[in-house]
């Protein structure tokens, strides 16, 4: 089953944007992330609506982080992406007549709701500033210099 990597990808883009002094074009981000600029613009327009990024027009224009990274959590970004499905596990039938399947659905439903609540609480406790700090520590330990213009897959 294909995993939804949109959250991971946009967090990746946001952290690269945070490292840039000037606005970053969707074309540059798309090249680095191996996708189409339209995909980047669509995602960033949703983040703009949420107040996390802003776009600048004209020469030298592009996208910039609009709020301090300490004010943006993984949960905020997740919610701005439309709160995508977290788990691929689900019920075989949503409204079964079989009493056994009703029991299975009830148990799975409770467990998945508890897991979702825990995961979303954790997302809410992690800021982009914490991710940036971890990235900087990893960069220092590796001796590498990483920038958005280096093409790499997400």
Protein backbone atom coordinates (compact mmCIF):
# COMPACT_ATOMS: atom_id res chain seq x y z
CA UNK A 1 0.00 0.00 0.00
CA UNK A 2 1.32 3.43 -0.93
CA UNK A 3 2.03 5.70 2.03
CA UNK A 4 0.91 9.33 2.10
CA UNK A 5 4.12 11.34 2.38
CA UNK A 6 2.63 14.81 1.87
CA UNK A 7 3.14 15.86 5.51
CA UNK A 8 6.74 14.66 5.49
CA UNK A 9 7.39 16.39 2.17
CA UNK A 10 5.94 19.75 3.17
CA UNK A 11 7.79 19.71 6.50
CA UNK A 12 10.94 19.06 4.45
CA UNK A 13 10.17 22.05 2.21
CA UNK A 14 9.34 24.33 5.16
CA UNK A 15 12.63 23.54 6.89
CA UNK A 16 14.58 24.27 3.72
CA UNK A 17 12.65 27.54 3.33
CA UNK A 18 13.55 28.48 6.89
CA UNK A 19 17.24 28.18 5.99
CA UNK A 20 16.96 30.58 3.06
CA UNK A 21 17.56 34.32 3.51
CA UNK A 22 15.47 35.29 0.50
CA UNK A 23 12.17 34.12 -0.89
CA UNK A 24 12.24 30.68 -2.54
CA UNK A 25 10.52 30.02 -5.84
CA UNK A 26 8.19 27.09 -6.28
CA UNK A 27 10.33 26.08 -9.27
CA UNK A 28 13.44 25.72 -7.10
CA UNK A 29 11.55 23.79 -4.45
CA UNK A 30 9.99 21.54 -7.09
CA UNK A 31 13.39 20.72 -8.62
CA UNK A 32 14.85 19.88 -5.22
CA UNK A 33 11.85 17.78 -4.20
CA UNK A 34 11.45 16.05 -7.59
CA UNK A 35 7.92 17.25 -8.22
CA UNK A 36 6.01 19.79 -10.28
CA UNK A 37 5.96 23.50 -9.29
CA UNK A 38 2.15 23.39 -9.45
CA UNK A 39 2.15 20.77 -6.68
CA UNK A 40 4.38 22.99 -4.52
CA UNK A 41 2.22 26.08 -5.18
CA UNK A 42 -0.98 24.20 -4.33
CA UNK A 43 0.43 22.97 -1.04
CA UNK A 44 1.96 26.33 -0.14
CA UNK A 45 -1.23 28.20 -0.96
CA UNK A 46 -2.96 26.11 1.71
CA UNK A 47 -0.16 26.93 4.14
CA UNK A 48 -0.52 30.61 3.19
CA UNK A 49 -4.23 30.44 4.00
CA UNK A 50 -3.25 29.05 7.41
CA UNK A 51 -0.78 31.93 7.90
CA UNK A 52 2.41 29.83 7.92
CA UNK A 53 3.95 31.14 4.69
CA UNK A 54 3.57 34.20 2.54
CA UNK A 55 4.20 34.78 -1.15
CA UNK A 56 6.10 37.72 -2.56
CA UNK A 57 5.56 38.82 -6.14
CA UNK A 58 7.95 40.32 -8.66
CA UNK A 59 11.70 40.09 -9.13
CA UNK A 60 13.17 38.14 -6.22
CA UNK A 61 9.71 36.91 -5.30
CA UNK A 62 8.72 33.51 -4.04
CA UNK A 63 7.71 31.97 -0.75
CA UNK A 64 8.87 32.77 2.80
CA UNK A 65 8.01 31.50 6.25
CA UNK A 66 5.49 33.97 7.73
CA UNK A 67 5.62 33.00 11.41
CA UNK A 68 8.34 32.05 13.86
CA UNK A 69 9.11 28.34 13.71
CA UNK A 70 8.44 28.15 17.46
CA UNK A 71 4.78 28.93 16.70
CA UNK A 72 4.22 26.21 14.08
CA UNK A 73 3.70 22.62 15.19
CA UNK A 74 3.52 19.40 13.22
CA UNK A 75 -0.18 19.36 14.16
CA UNK A 76 -0.67 22.81 12.62
CA UNK A 77 0.85 21.68 9.33
CA UNK A 78 -1.06 18.39 9.42
CA UNK A 79 -4.35 20.27 9.95
CA UNK A 80 -3.54 22.76 7.17
CA UNK A 81 -3.12 19.83 4.77
CA UNK A 82 -6.70 18.79 5.46
CA UNK A 83 -5.92 16.31 8.26
CA UNK A 84 -5.12 13.36 5.98
CA UNK A 85 -5.89 9.80 7.06
CA UNK A 86 -3.34 8.67 9.64
CA UNK A 87 -3.83 4.91 9.48
CA UNK A 88 -4.47 2.48 6.66
CA UNK A 89 -6.19 -0.01 8.98
CA UNK A 90 -9.97 0.05 8.84
CA UNK A 91 -13.11 -2.01 9.23
CA UNK A 92 -14.05 -4.58 6.62
CA UNK A 93 -17.64 -3.29 6.66
CA UNK A 94 -18.78 -0.09 8.37
CA UNK A 95 -22.31 -1.23 9.31
CA UNK A 96 -22.19 -5.02 9.56
CA UNK A 97 -25.17 -7.16 10.48
CA UNK A 98 -22.86 -9.82 11.94
CA UNK A 99 -22.52 -9.44 15.72
CA UNK A 100 -18.95 -10.76 15.63
CA UNK A 101 -17.96 -8.11 13.11
CA UNK A 102 -19.73 -5.44 15.19
CA UNK A 103 -17.58 -6.47 18.15
CA UNK A 104 -14.41 -6.38 16.04
CA UNK A 105 -15.34 -2.96 14.65
CA UNK A 106 -15.99 -1.56 18.12
CA UNK A 107 -12.63 -2.78 19.45
CA UNK A 108 -10.69 -1.59 16.42
CA UNK A 109 -12.52 1.75 16.42
CA UNK A 110 -11.67 2.46 20.07
CA UNK A 111 -8.03 1.47 19.64
CA UNK A 112 -7.61 3.56 16.48
CA UNK A 113 -9.24 6.60 18.07
CA UNK A 114 -6.94 6.32 21.10
CA UNK A 115 -3.90 5.95 18.86
CA UNK A 116 -4.98 8.91 16.73
CA UNK A 117 -5.43 11.10 19.82
CA UNK A 118 -1.96 10.18 21.11
CA UNK A 119 -0.33 10.81 17.75
CA UNK A 120 -2.05 14.18 17.25
CA UNK A 121 -1.09 15.22 20.79
CA UNK A 122 2.53 14.39 19.95
CA UNK A 123 2.28 16.33 16.66
CA UNK A 124 1.07 19.30 18.70
CA UNK A 125 4.09 19.12 20.99
CA UNK A 126 6.72 19.26 18.22
CA UNK A 127 7.51 22.63 16.64
CA UNK A 128 9.31 23.37 13.42
CA UNK A 129 11.95 25.09 15.58
CA UNK A 130 12.64 21.73 17.25
CA UNK A 131 12.95 20.04 13.86
CA UNK A 132 15.31 22.81 12.71
CA UNK A 133 17.43 22.35 15.84
CA UNK A 134 17.65 18.61 15.18
CA UNK A 135 18.54 19.25 11.53
CA UNK A 136 21.33 21.66 12.54
CA UNK A 137 22.73 19.11 15.02
CA UNK A 138 22.69 16.42 12.32
CA UNK A 139 24.34 18.76 9.81
CA UNK A 140 27.07 19.68 12.31
CA UNK A 141 27.69 16.03 13.21
CA UNK A 142 27.87 15.00 9.55
CA UNK A 143 30.13 17.84 8.46
CA UNK A 144 27.87 18.39 5.46
CA UNK A 145 26.35 21.63 4.25
CA UNK A 146 22.79 21.09 3.00
CA UNK A 147 20.81 23.57 0.97
CA UNK A 148 17.66 23.60 -1.13
CA UNK A 149 19.60 23.89 -4.36
CA UNK A 150 21.03 20.43 -3.81
CA UNK A 151 18.60 18.10 -5.51
CA UNK A 152 17.45 15.25 -3.33
CA UNK A 153 14.41 13.06 -2.94
CA UNK A 154 12.00 13.43 -0.04
